[in-house]
N, C-alpha and C. Protein backbone atom coordinates (compact mmCIF):
# COMPACT_ATOMS: atom_id res chain seq x y z
N MET A 1 0.91 -1.20 0.07
CA MET A 1 0.04 -0.08 -0.03
C MET A 1 0.89 1.25 0.02
N PHE A 2 0.41 2.25 -0.71
CA PHE A 2 1.07 3.63 -0.71
C PHE A 2 0.23 4.69 -0.34
N VAL A 3 0.66 5.70 0.28
CA VAL A 3 0.04 6.80 0.59
C VAL A 3 0.14 7.86 -0.66
N VAL A 4 -0.91 8.16 -1.27
CA VAL A 4 -0.67 9.02 -2.53
C VAL A 4 -1.48 10.44 -2.40
N TYR A 5 -1.14 11.41 -3.09
CA TYR A 5 -1.82 12.58 -2.99
C TYR A 5 -2.34 12.94 -4.41
N CYS A 6 -3.80 13.05 -4.44
CA CYS A 6 -4.50 13.33 -5.63
C CYS A 6 -4.63 14.81 -5.72
N ALA A 7 -3.99 15.36 -6.66
CA ALA A 7 -4.02 16.94 -6.88
C ALA A 7 -5.46 17.30 -7.39
N VAL A 8 -6.22 16.62 -7.97
CA VAL A 8 -7.72 16.89 -8.55
C VAL A 8 -8.52 16.82 -7.22
N CYS A 9 -8.38 15.93 -6.48
CA CYS A 9 -9.36 15.65 -5.34
C CYS A 9 -8.73 16.59 -4.16
N ASP A 10 -7.64 16.91 -4.07
CA ASP A 10 -6.93 17.67 -3.04
C ASP A 10 -7.07 16.85 -1.76
N ARG A 11 -6.57 15.76 -1.71
CA ARG A 11 -6.63 14.73 -0.54
C ARG A 11 -5.62 13.50 -0.83
N ARG A 12 -5.31 12.98 0.56
CA ARG A 12 -4.43 12.00 0.49
C ARG A 12 -5.14 10.74 0.60
N THR A 13 -4.90 9.52 -0.05
CA THR A 13 -5.56 8.40 0.00
C THR A 13 -4.54 7.16 -0.09
N LEU A 14 -4.97 5.95 0.37
CA LEU A 14 -4.27 4.92 0.28
C LEU A 14 -4.46 4.20 -1.26
N LEU A 15 -3.25 3.81 -1.69
CA LEU A 15 -3.46 3.25 -2.99
C LEU A 15 -3.08 1.78 -2.73
N GLY A 16 -3.93 0.89 -2.87
CA GLY A 16 -3.77 -0.54 -2.54
C GLY A 16 -3.20 -1.21 -3.61
N VAL A 17 -2.92 -2.51 -3.49
CA VAL A 17 -2.36 -3.44 -4.66
C VAL A 17 -3.35 -3.51 -5.88
N ASP A 18 -4.48 -3.42 -5.46
CA ASP A 18 -5.62 -3.41 -6.62
C ASP A 18 -5.68 -2.24 -7.56
N GLU A 19 -5.35 -1.25 -6.98
CA GLU A 19 -5.38 0.21 -7.69
C GLU A 19 -4.06 0.36 -8.42
N VAL A 20 -3.02 -0.39 -8.23
CA VAL A 20 -1.61 -0.15 -8.97
C VAL A 20 -1.91 -0.62 -10.41
N ASP A 21 -1.59 0.26 -11.42
CA ASP A 21 -1.52 0.07 -12.93
C ASP A 21 -0.34 -0.27 -13.28
N TRP A 22 0.70 0.38 -12.95
CA TRP A 22 2.13 0.27 -13.61
C TRP A 22 3.23 0.57 -12.57
N VAL A 23 4.10 -0.18 -12.70
CA VAL A 23 5.33 -0.08 -11.81
C VAL A 23 6.69 -0.02 -12.82
N GLU A 24 7.49 0.96 -12.71
CA GLU A 24 8.50 1.27 -13.55
C GLU A 24 9.80 1.85 -12.92
N ASN A 25 10.87 1.03 -13.31
CA ASN A 25 12.30 1.70 -12.78
C ASN A 25 12.64 2.68 -13.78
N LEU A 26 12.63 4.01 -13.07
CA LEU A 26 13.28 5.14 -13.84
C LEU A 26 14.64 5.24 -13.92
N ALA A 27 15.25 5.02 -12.77
CA ALA A 27 16.74 5.15 -12.64
C ALA A 27 17.16 4.25 -11.50
N ARG A 28 18.60 4.16 -11.23
CA ARG A 28 18.92 3.32 -10.16
C ARG A 28 18.48 3.87 -8.87
N GLY A 29 17.70 3.19 -8.09
CA GLY A 29 17.10 3.50 -6.82
C GLY A 29 15.88 4.44 -6.81
N MET A 30 15.17 4.45 -8.05
CA MET A 30 14.12 5.42 -8.28
C MET A 30 13.00 4.42 -8.95
N ILE A 31 11.92 4.45 -8.28
CA ILE A 31 10.67 3.38 -8.79
C ILE A 31 9.60 4.32 -8.89
N SER A 32 8.80 4.33 -10.04
CA SER A 32 7.49 5.22 -10.26
C SER A 32 6.37 4.00 -10.24
N VAL A 33 5.44 4.37 -9.28
CA VAL A 33 4.27 3.54 -9.19
C VAL A 33 3.13 4.38 -9.68
N SER A 34 2.39 3.97 -10.61
CA SER A 34 1.29 4.76 -11.03
C SER A 34 -0.02 4.05 -10.97
N GLY A 35 -1.16 4.56 -10.70
CA GLY A 35 -2.46 4.10 -10.57
C GLY A 35 -3.62 5.12 -10.44
N HIS A 36 -4.65 4.86 -9.91
CA HIS A 36 -5.91 5.57 -9.86
C HIS A 36 -6.38 5.78 -8.42
N CYS A 37 -6.55 6.99 -7.91
CA CYS A 37 -7.44 7.33 -6.71
C CYS A 37 -8.78 6.70 -6.89
N PRO A 38 -9.37 6.64 -5.54
CA PRO A 38 -10.62 6.03 -5.53
C PRO A 38 -11.73 6.71 -6.38
N ARG A 39 -11.58 7.94 -6.73
CA ARG A 39 -12.43 8.66 -7.74
C ARG A 39 -12.01 8.69 -9.04
N GLY A 40 -11.07 7.93 -9.40
CA GLY A 40 -10.61 7.51 -10.88
C GLY A 40 -9.49 8.42 -11.46
N HIS A 41 -9.02 9.40 -10.66
CA HIS A 41 -7.79 10.31 -11.11
C HIS A 41 -6.54 9.56 -11.08
N GLU A 42 -5.70 9.82 -12.14
CA GLU A 42 -4.46 9.24 -12.24
C GLU A 42 -3.34 9.82 -11.02
N VAL A 43 -2.71 9.02 -10.26
CA VAL A 43 -1.76 9.43 -9.46
C VAL A 43 -0.44 8.62 -9.52
N VAL A 44 0.64 9.21 -9.37
CA VAL A 44 1.84 8.74 -9.40
C VAL A 44 2.82 9.00 -8.09
N VAL A 45 3.31 7.71 -7.69
CA VAL A 45 4.17 7.82 -6.58
C VAL A 45 5.56 7.45 -6.93
N LEU A 46 6.67 8.36 -6.42
CA LEU A 46 7.99 8.00 -6.74
C LEU A 46 8.55 7.53 -5.36
N THR A 47 9.17 6.30 -5.48
CA THR A 47 9.61 5.65 -4.28
C THR A 47 11.06 4.95 -4.63
N GLY A 48 11.63 4.35 -3.62
CA GLY A 48 12.91 3.56 -3.98
C GLY A 48 13.91 4.23 -3.01
N ASP A 49 15.14 3.55 -3.20
CA ASP A 49 16.29 3.94 -2.25
C ASP A 49 16.71 5.47 -2.42
N ALA A 50 16.38 6.15 -3.57
CA ALA A 50 17.05 7.46 -3.80
C ALA A 50 16.01 8.40 -2.92
N PHE A 51 14.77 7.99 -2.52
CA PHE A 51 14.02 8.80 -1.63
C PHE A 51 14.02 8.55 -0.14
N THR A 52 14.81 7.55 0.26
CA THR A 52 15.07 7.30 1.81
C THR A 52 15.97 8.12 2.26
N PRO A 53 15.78 8.64 3.44
CA PRO A 53 16.71 9.62 4.07
C PRO A 53 18.08 8.90 4.52
N HIS A 54 19.24 9.58 4.41
CA HIS A 54 20.52 9.12 4.52
C HIS A 54 21.02 10.14 5.29
N GLU A 55 22.46 9.61 6.03
CA GLU A 55 23.12 10.39 6.84
C GLU A 55 23.71 11.56 6.03
N ASP A 56 23.84 12.86 6.53
CA ASP A 56 24.52 13.91 5.98
C ASP A 56 26.18 13.53 5.92
N PRO A 57 26.55 13.32 4.79
CA PRO A 57 28.19 13.00 4.60
C PRO A 57 28.98 14.08 5.07
N ARG A 58 28.44 15.29 5.41
CA ARG A 58 29.35 16.44 5.78
C ARG A 58 29.57 16.43 7.30
N TYR A 59 28.68 15.64 8.12
CA TYR A 59 28.88 15.55 9.46
C TYR A 59 29.83 14.63 9.95
N PHE A 60 30.63 15.06 10.62
CA PHE A 60 31.97 14.24 11.01
C PHE A 60 31.93 13.82 12.54
N GLY A 61 30.91 14.06 13.29
CA GLY A 61 30.64 13.49 14.46
C GLY A 61 30.71 14.76 15.52
N PRO A 62 30.85 14.58 16.85
CA PRO A 62 30.87 15.72 17.77
C PRO A 62 32.31 16.15 17.69
N ALA A 63 32.49 17.59 18.31
CA ALA A 63 33.56 18.33 18.33
C ALA A 63 34.77 17.60 19.01
N PRO A 64 35.97 17.52 18.67
CA PRO A 64 37.04 16.94 19.48
C PRO A 64 37.10 17.64 20.98
N ARG A 65 37.61 16.81 21.78
CA ARG A 65 37.82 17.16 23.15
C ARG A 65 38.83 18.39 23.21
N VAL A 66 39.59 18.61 22.42
CA VAL A 66 40.46 19.85 22.50
C VAL A 66 39.54 21.07 22.47
N TRP A 67 38.32 21.19 21.88
CA TRP A 67 37.62 22.48 21.93
C TRP A 67 36.67 22.30 23.01
N THR A 68 36.02 21.14 23.38
CA THR A 68 34.85 21.21 24.21
C THR A 68 35.42 21.47 25.63
N LYS A 69 36.59 20.97 26.08
CA LYS A 69 37.06 21.14 27.55
C LYS A 69 37.20 22.57 27.77
N PRO A 70 37.94 23.37 27.10
CA PRO A 70 38.14 24.82 27.30
C PRO A 70 36.70 25.52 27.32
N LEU A 71 35.95 25.15 26.27
CA LEU A 71 34.60 25.90 26.31
C LEU A 71 33.75 25.62 27.44
N ALA A 72 33.79 24.34 27.93
CA ALA A 72 33.07 24.00 29.23
C ALA A 72 33.66 24.79 30.29
N ARG A 73 34.74 25.05 30.56
CA ARG A 73 35.36 25.73 31.64
C ARG A 73 34.90 27.31 31.40
N LEU A 74 34.96 27.89 30.23
CA LEU A 74 34.53 29.31 30.12
C LEU A 74 33.10 29.38 30.36
N ARG A 75 32.22 28.46 29.91
CA ARG A 75 30.85 28.43 30.19
C ARG A 75 30.52 28.44 31.57
N ALA A 76 31.27 27.69 32.33
CA ALA A 76 30.98 27.57 33.88
C ALA A 76 31.39 28.98 34.49
N TRP A 77 32.62 29.28 34.08
CA TRP A 77 33.13 30.70 34.61
C TRP A 77 32.05 31.80 34.33
N LEU A 78 31.49 31.92 33.04
CA LEU A 78 30.52 32.87 32.87
C LEU A 78 29.34 32.82 33.59
N ARG A 79 28.84 31.46 33.87
CA ARG A 79 27.50 31.29 34.59
C ARG A 79 27.83 31.88 35.96
N ALA A 80 29.00 31.52 36.53
CA ALA A 80 29.17 31.90 38.08
C ALA A 80 29.24 33.51 37.98
N ARG A 81 29.92 34.13 37.16
CA ARG A 81 29.79 35.60 37.19
C ARG A 81 28.51 36.00 37.02
N LEU A 82 27.73 35.67 36.08
CA LEU A 82 26.42 36.16 35.76
C LEU A 82 25.53 35.99 36.84
N ARG A 83 25.58 34.71 37.49
CA ARG A 83 24.66 34.39 38.59
C ARG A 83 24.86 35.51 39.71
N GLY A 84 26.18 35.74 39.85
CA GLY A 84 26.43 36.48 41.05
C GLY A 84 25.85 38.09 40.78
N ARG A 85 25.98 38.55 39.52
CA ARG A 85 25.49 39.92 39.28
C ARG A 85 24.07 39.96 39.27
N LEU A 86 23.31 38.88 38.75
CA LEU A 86 21.92 38.97 38.68
C LEU A 86 21.30 38.84 40.08
N ARG A 87 21.94 38.15 41.04
CA ARG A 87 21.38 37.93 42.39
C ARG A 87 21.68 39.18 43.15
N SER A 88 22.54 39.88 42.85
CA SER A 88 22.82 41.25 43.69
C SER A 88 21.87 42.43 43.04
N ARG A 89 21.36 42.26 41.85
CA ARG A 89 20.50 43.37 41.38
C ARG A 89 19.11 43.03 41.59
N PHE A 90 18.68 41.72 41.39
CA PHE A 90 17.19 41.46 41.57
C PHE A 90 17.02 40.29 42.73
N GLU A 91 16.09 40.51 43.39
CA GLU A 91 15.66 39.37 44.24
C GLU A 91 14.94 38.30 43.75
N VAL A 92 15.59 37.16 44.02
CA VAL A 92 15.08 35.92 43.47
C VAL A 92 14.04 35.30 44.39
N SER A 93 12.73 35.06 43.88
CA SER A 93 11.73 34.48 44.68
C SER A 93 11.11 33.46 43.76
N ARG A 94 10.85 32.30 44.31
CA ARG A 94 10.27 31.17 43.56
C ARG A 94 8.80 30.94 44.08
N ASP A 95 8.34 31.85 44.96
CA ASP A 95 6.95 31.80 45.42
C ASP A 95 5.88 32.18 44.35
N LEU A 96 4.86 31.53 44.10
CA LEU A 96 3.97 32.01 43.40
C LEU A 96 2.96 33.01 44.00
N PRO A 97 2.39 33.89 43.18
CA PRO A 97 1.43 34.88 43.73
C PRO A 97 0.07 34.08 44.03
N GLY A 98 -0.72 34.61 45.04
CA GLY A 98 -1.85 34.12 45.51
C GLY A 98 -3.05 33.68 44.52
N PRO A 99 -3.17 34.49 43.27
CA PRO A 99 -4.17 34.05 42.30
C PRO A 99 -3.81 32.67 41.66
N PHE A 100 -2.40 32.22 41.51
CA PHE A 100 -2.14 31.06 41.03
C PHE A 100 -2.27 29.77 41.64
N TYR A 101 -2.68 29.97 42.95
CA TYR A 101 -2.83 28.80 43.89
C TYR A 101 -4.29 28.14 43.68
N ARG A 102 -4.48 26.79 43.73
CA ARG A 102 -5.81 26.48 43.64
C ARG A 102 -6.23 25.78 44.92
N PHE A 103 -7.21 25.94 45.56
CA PHE A 103 -7.67 25.47 46.89
C PHE A 103 -8.62 24.28 46.59
């Protein structure tokens, strides 16, 4: 079964084995399946290995430890500095105002 979109009907439907009229190899890894939607309009589905998602070949994995370790130290240092400044300027309160409580 295939999920097909009929542009004339403007809806998606299931194309079963009985509704398939023609299967054709267009190129390596590309298959064309043609048939009719339940209302009789022609629909075509392109499928095959060419349409399956693959990993991005440009992704080489996580950053090397040479970069992540110094960045983690810098991030921790910045957090400590910013927390001290924010606490001195604003009062931190985690209590909810009265209208937010349910009794």
